[in-house]
Amino acid sequence: MFKFLETFMVVYKTRSFSLAAQQLFITQPTVSNQIKQLELQLHTELFERKSRREIVPTEAANLLYKRAGKILKNWQDVNDQITRLGAEDNEKVKFGISQTVSRILFAMIANQLVTALPNLDFDVTVSNSEGVLNQLETYKIDIGIIEKPLVTENISRISIGKDQLVKAGVDNGNWITREPGSGIGYYTEQYFREADVQPAKLIHVNNSGLIRRMVAQGVGQALLSDKDLPANVPVESLGEHFVRDFYLLVREESSRDEILNSIIQLIK
């Protein structure tokens, strides 16, 4: 049931079985089957299939979406409490961060956390920006840190810093970028539109560190943070227009949680 609810929330958000499958790293038939199983358990239809690509949530789906996240959160809390029976009574927080944040920012945050909050336990999951947002909406994490400007209902977005993107690598017509849903992928597509770039070859890689290494080996060009550049490669400034924010994402209901507020203020 809980896995079905997680899948339902992503389908509801994306309005697409195929996009939900991409975000969840499962097949589209698996997504369809899980939604069908949930509909059978609830004895109601959750999505009207208007066409092969278009689905519309029913009134039942709208109601379920408002409650599903809290159901998942309560279940996760019970799991955590059972797991921690007999252990020291430390607070535990789950972070979801983008790959760029993992490479250039989070280590500094982690150092501050262990220094300022020694009784805090925390886990970290690395994903792309949309994956982090999905994890936050489905209560798999408590705090997200990303660089893609995503906006969604009941999630607060707080700017916590700036990052300058530059064009790096050999201009041989080849471009290397991240997968859809990532911050780098988002800004690379924006650059292509604004600069009227049509790559001879476009290579999608779901790992920022690998992109950096490919650029260093002369495979092609990529947009990279100026804080995470390989040595001895051509670099072109893109100016203030490609200065992006790092965003702290929290559920609005988290404002009532004392420990989460302490972490938010520390990060800010």
Protein backbone atom coordinates (compact mmCIF):
# COMPACT_ATOMS: atom_id res chain seq x y z
CA MET A 1 0.00 0.00 0.00
CA PHE A 2 2.70 2.51 0.95
CA LYS A 3 4.69 1.91 -2.25
CA PHE A 4 1.47 2.43 -4.21
CA LEU A 5 0.88 5.73 -2.42
CA GLU A 6 4.40 6.92 -3.24
CA THR A 7 3.84 6.12 -6.91
CA PHE A 8 0.42 7.76 -6.85
CA MET A 9 1.86 11.02 -5.53
CA VAL A 10 4.41 11.22 -8.34
CA VAL A 11 1.80 10.41 -11.01
CA TYR A 12 -0.51 13.05 -9.53
CA LYS A 13 2.28 15.63 -9.56
CA THR A 14 3.56 14.90 -13.08
CA ARG A 15 0.16 14.05 -14.64
CA SER A 16 2.08 11.39 -16.54
CA PHE A 17 2.77 7.68 -16.09
CA SER A 18 5.93 7.89 -18.20
CA LEU A 19 7.37 10.90 -16.32
CA ALA A 20 6.53 9.24 -13.02
CA ALA A 21 8.37 6.12 -14.16
CA GLN A 22 11.45 8.22 -15.01
CA GLN A 23 11.46 9.92 -11.60
CA LEU A 24 10.93 6.67 -9.72
CA PHE A 25 13.43 4.70 -11.84
CA ILE A 26 10.88 2.00 -12.63
CA THR A 27 9.08 0.98 -15.83
CA GLN A 28 5.87 2.60 -17.06
CA PRO A 29 3.94 -0.72 -16.88
CA THR A 30 4.98 -0.98 -13.22
CA VAL A 31 3.60 2.49 -12.54
CA SER A 32 0.34 1.65 -14.32
CA ASN A 33 -0.01 -1.60 -12.39
CA GLN A 34 0.62 0.06 -9.01
CA ILE A 35 -2.02 2.72 -9.72
CA LYS A 36 -4.45 0.02 -10.83
CA GLN A 37 -3.83 -1.94 -7.60
CA LEU A 38 -4.43 1.20 -5.54
CA GLU A 39 -7.68 1.89 -7.41
CA LEU A 40 -8.83 -1.67 -6.71
CA GLN A 41 -8.09 -1.29 -3.00
CA LEU A 42 -9.95 2.02 -2.83
CA HIS A 43 -12.80 0.86 -5.11
CA THR A 44 -12.58 4.03 -7.15
CA GLU A 45 -10.92 5.50 -10.22
CA LEU A 46 -8.08 7.91 -9.48
CA PHE A 47 -7.22 9.13 -12.98
CA GLU A 48 -9.29 9.59 -16.11
CA ARG A 49 -7.31 8.45 -19.14
CA LYS A 50 -8.19 11.12 -21.72
CA SER A 51 -5.63 9.81 -24.19
CA ARG A 52 -2.40 7.83 -24.26
CA ARG A 53 -0.49 10.86 -22.93
CA GLU A 54 -3.13 12.81 -21.00
CA ILE A 55 -4.50 11.83 -17.60
CA VAL A 56 -6.69 13.91 -15.29
CA PRO A 57 -7.02 13.33 -11.52
CA THR A 58 -10.50 12.52 -10.25
CA GLU A 59 -12.08 14.11 -7.17
CA ALA A 60 -10.99 11.03 -5.21
CA ALA A 61 -7.39 11.56 -6.35
CA ASN A 62 -7.48 15.19 -5.24
CA LEU A 63 -8.62 14.10 -1.79
CA LEU A 64 -6.07 11.28 -1.57
CA TYR A 65 -3.19 13.56 -2.58
CA LYS A 66 -3.93 15.92 0.32
CA ARG A 67 -3.72 13.02 2.79
CA ALA A 68 -1.19 10.62 1.25
CA GLY A 69 1.95 12.50 2.24
CA LYS A 70 0.94 12.60 5.90
CA ILE A 71 0.09 8.89 5.84
CA LEU A 72 3.55 8.10 4.48
CA LYS A 73 5.22 10.40 7.01
CA ASN A 74 3.43 8.75 9.94
CA TRP A 75 4.41 5.31 8.68
CA GLN A 76 8.04 6.37 8.29
CA ASP A 77 8.07 7.84 11.80
CA VAL A 78 6.85 4.54 13.23
CA ASN A 79 9.54 2.67 11.28
CA ASP A 80 12.23 5.03 12.54
CA GLN A 81 11.08 4.78 16.16
CA ILE A 82 11.04 0.97 16.03
CA THR A 83 14.50 0.91 14.42
CA ARG A 84 15.86 3.19 17.11
CA LEU A 85 14.37 1.36 20.10
CA GLY A 86 17.04 1.09 22.79
CA ALA A 87 19.34 3.56 21.04
CA GLU A 88 20.34 6.97 22.32
CA ASP A 89 17.56 9.52 22.04
CA ASN A 90 19.15 11.62 19.29
CA GLU A 91 17.11 13.56 16.76
CA LYS A 92 17.37 12.29 13.18
CA VAL A 93 16.92 14.31 9.99
CA LYS A 94 16.98 13.13 6.39
CA PHE A 95 18.49 15.36 3.71
CA GLY A 96 17.97 15.11 -0.03
CA ILE A 97 20.50 17.05 -2.12
CA SER A 98 21.31 17.53 -5.78
CA GLN A 99 24.58 16.30 -7.23
CA THR A 100 26.03 19.80 -7.58
CA VAL A 101 25.19 20.53 -3.95
CA SER A 102 26.89 17.26 -2.99
CA ARG A 103 30.08 18.28 -4.80
CA ILE A 104 30.55 21.88 -3.72
CA LEU A 105 28.33 22.76 -0.75
CA PHE A 106 27.09 19.98 1.50
CA ALA A 107 30.40 18.98 3.07
CA MET A 108 30.63 22.47 4.57
CA ILE A 109 27.05 22.21 5.84
CA ALA A 110 27.76 18.78 7.34
CA ASN A 111 30.76 20.16 9.19
CA GLN A 112 28.63 22.91 10.70
CA LEU A 113 25.92 20.41 11.67
CA VAL A 114 28.22 18.04 13.57
CA THR A 115 29.85 21.00 15.33
CA ALA A 116 26.74 22.97 16.27
CA LEU A 117 24.31 20.06 16.79
CA PRO A 118 26.36 17.13 18.16
CA ASN A 119 23.23 15.17 19.16
CA LEU A 120 21.79 15.28 15.65
CA ASP A 121 21.91 12.18 13.46
CA PHE A 122 21.39 12.72 9.74
CA ASP A 123 21.23 10.73 6.52
CA VAL A 124 21.89 12.14 3.04
CA THR A 125 20.46 11.00 -0.30
CA VAL A 126 21.84 12.41 -3.58
CA SER A 127 19.49 12.77 -6.55
CA ASN A 128 18.63 15.34 -9.22
CA SER A 129 16.63 18.45 -8.32
CA GLU A 130 13.22 17.08 -9.30
CA GLY A 131 13.99 13.82 -7.52
CA VAL A 132 14.78 15.74 -4.33
CA LEU A 133 11.50 17.65 -4.57
CA ASN A 134 9.60 14.40 -5.10
CA GLN A 135 11.29 12.85 -2.04
CA LEU A 136 10.29 15.87 0.04
CA GLU A 137 6.68 15.78 -1.16
CA THR A 138 6.41 12.05 -0.42
CA TYR A 139 7.96 12.49 3.06
CA LYS A 140 11.06 10.41 2.31
CA ILE A 141 13.27 13.33 3.39
CA ASP A 142 12.87 16.29 5.73
CA ILE A 143 15.01 18.94 4.00
CA GLY A 144 16.06 19.36 0.37
CA ILE A 145 18.87 21.45 -1.14
CA ILE A 146 18.83 21.97 -4.91
CA GLU A 147 19.76 24.52 -7.56
CA LYS A 148 16.83 24.23 -9.99
CA PRO A 149 14.11 26.88 -9.39
CA LEU A 150 11.22 24.52 -8.69
CA VAL A 151 7.97 25.72 -7.13
CA THR A 152 5.20 23.55 -5.71
CA GLU A 153 2.32 23.75 -3.29
CA ASN A 154 3.05 23.49 0.44
CA ILE A 155 6.84 23.61 -0.05
CA SER A 156 8.83 26.66 1.04
CA ARG A 157 11.84 27.60 -1.08
CA ILE A 158 14.62 29.65 0.54
CA SER A 159 17.66 30.99 -1.32
CA ILE A 160 20.84 30.16 0.61
CA GLY A 161 23.59 31.11 -1.83
CA LYS A 162 24.70 31.79 -5.39
CA ASP A 163 26.52 29.72 -7.98
CA GLN A 164 28.06 30.94 -11.25
CA LEU A 165 27.76 28.65 -14.27
CA VAL A 166 30.40 28.77 -17.00
CA LYS A 167 30.91 27.01 -20.32
CA ALA A 168 33.83 24.62 -20.04
CA GLY A 169 35.59 22.27 -22.41
CA VAL A 170 36.74 21.89 -26.02
CA ASP A 171 34.44 23.42 -28.65
CA ASN A 172 34.17 20.42 -30.98
CA GLY A 173 30.39 20.44 -31.44
CA ASN A 174 29.80 17.88 -28.70
CA TRP A 175 27.86 18.78 -25.56
CA ILE A 176 27.56 16.85 -22.32
CA THR A 177 24.64 17.47 -20.00
CA ARG A 178 22.62 15.92 -17.21
CA GLU A 179 19.33 14.07 -17.50
CA PRO A 180 15.90 15.80 -17.54
CA GLY A 181 14.92 16.88 -14.04
CA SER A 182 18.41 18.03 -13.08
CA GLY A 183 19.55 21.61 -12.49
CA ILE A 184 22.41 21.41 -15.01
CA GLY A 185 20.05 19.90 -17.59
CA TYR A 186 17.60 22.75 -17.04
CA TYR A 187 20.22 25.49 -17.45
CA THR A 188 21.89 23.78 -20.41
CA GLU A 189 18.57 23.73 -22.29
CA GLN A 190 18.12 27.41 -21.40
CA TYR A 191 21.59 28.18 -22.80
CA PHE A 192 20.86 26.29 -26.01
CA ARG A 193 17.71 28.35 -26.57
CA GLU A 194 19.28 31.71 -25.78
CA ALA A 195 22.52 31.13 -27.72
CA ASP A 196 20.78 29.25 -30.56
CA VAL A 197 23.09 26.26 -30.06
CA GLN A 198 22.42 23.04 -31.95
CA PRO A 199 24.92 20.43 -30.75
CA ALA A 200 26.46 18.05 -33.26
CA LYS A 201 26.16 15.42 -30.53
CA LEU A 202 24.35 15.64 -27.21
CA ILE A 203 25.45 13.21 -24.49
CA HIS A 204 23.27 12.78 -21.39
CA VAL A 205 25.06 11.66 -18.23
CA ASN A 206 23.36 11.24 -14.84
CA ASN A 207 26.49 11.98 -12.82
CA SER A 208 28.04 15.43 -12.46
CA GLY A 209 31.45 14.05 -11.54
CA LEU A 210 31.55 12.02 -14.75
CA ILE A 211 30.62 15.10 -16.80
CA ARG A 212 33.56 16.92 -15.22
CA ARG A 213 35.92 14.05 -16.09
CA MET A 214 34.62 13.86 -19.68
CA VAL A 215 35.19 17.58 -20.11
CA ALA A 216 38.72 17.15 -18.75
CA GLN A 217 39.36 14.41 -21.35
CA GLY A 218 38.28 16.66 -24.23
CA VAL A 219 35.03 14.86 -25.06
CA GLY A 220 33.12 18.13 -25.45
CA GLN A 221 31.63 21.13 -23.69
CA ALA A 222 29.33 21.39 -20.68
CA LEU A 223 27.92 23.97 -18.32
CA LEU A 224 29.63 23.58 -14.96
CA SER A 225 29.83 25.47 -11.71
CA ASP A 226 32.88 27.72 -11.57
CA LYS A 227 33.55 26.07 -8.18
CA ASP A 228 33.85 22.61 -9.75
CA LEU A 229 36.03 22.97 -12.86
CA PRO A 230 38.66 20.51 -14.12
CA ALA A 231 42.14 21.95 -14.54
CA ASN A 232 43.51 23.18 -17.87
CA VAL A 233 40.30 23.29 -19.91
CA PRO A 234 38.96 26.27 -21.90
CA VAL A 235 36.43 28.24 -19.86
CA GLU A 236 34.03 30.93 -21.07
CA SER A 237 32.13 33.19 -18.69
CA LEU A 238 28.36 33.33 -19.15
CA GLY A 239 27.81 36.40 -16.98
CA GLU A 240 25.25 37.23 -14.34
CA HIS A 241 22.39 35.77 -16.39
CA PHE A 242 23.69 32.31 -15.51
CA VAL A 243 24.17 32.92 -11.81
CA ARG A 244 21.81 30.47 -10.15
CA ASP A 245 20.59 30.11 -6.58
CA PHE A 246 21.00 27.24 -4.20
CA TYR A 247 17.60 26.59 -2.64
CA LEU A 248 16.66 25.10 0.68
CA LEU A 249 13.34 23.23 0.39
CA VAL A 250 11.16 22.42 3.40
CA ARG A 251 7.53 21.50 3.84
CA GLU A 252 5.56 24.45 5.20
CA GLU A 253 4.35 22.35 8.12
CA SER A 254 7.99 22.00 9.23
CA SER A 255 7.87 25.53 10.62
CA ARG A 256 6.45 23.97 13.80
CA ASP A 257 9.42 21.61 14.23
CA GLU A 258 12.06 23.05 16.57
CA ILE A 259 15.00 20.93 15.38
CA LEU A 260 14.26 21.56 11.69
CA ASN A 261 14.06 25.29 12.35
CA SER A 262 17.45 25.16 14.08
CA ILE A 263 18.96 23.39 11.04
CA ILE A 264 17.36 25.85 8.61
CA GLN A 265 18.80 28.82 10.48
CA LEU A 266 22.23 27.21 10.64
CA ILE A 267 22.23 26.54 6.89
CA LYS A 268 20.99 30.04 6.08
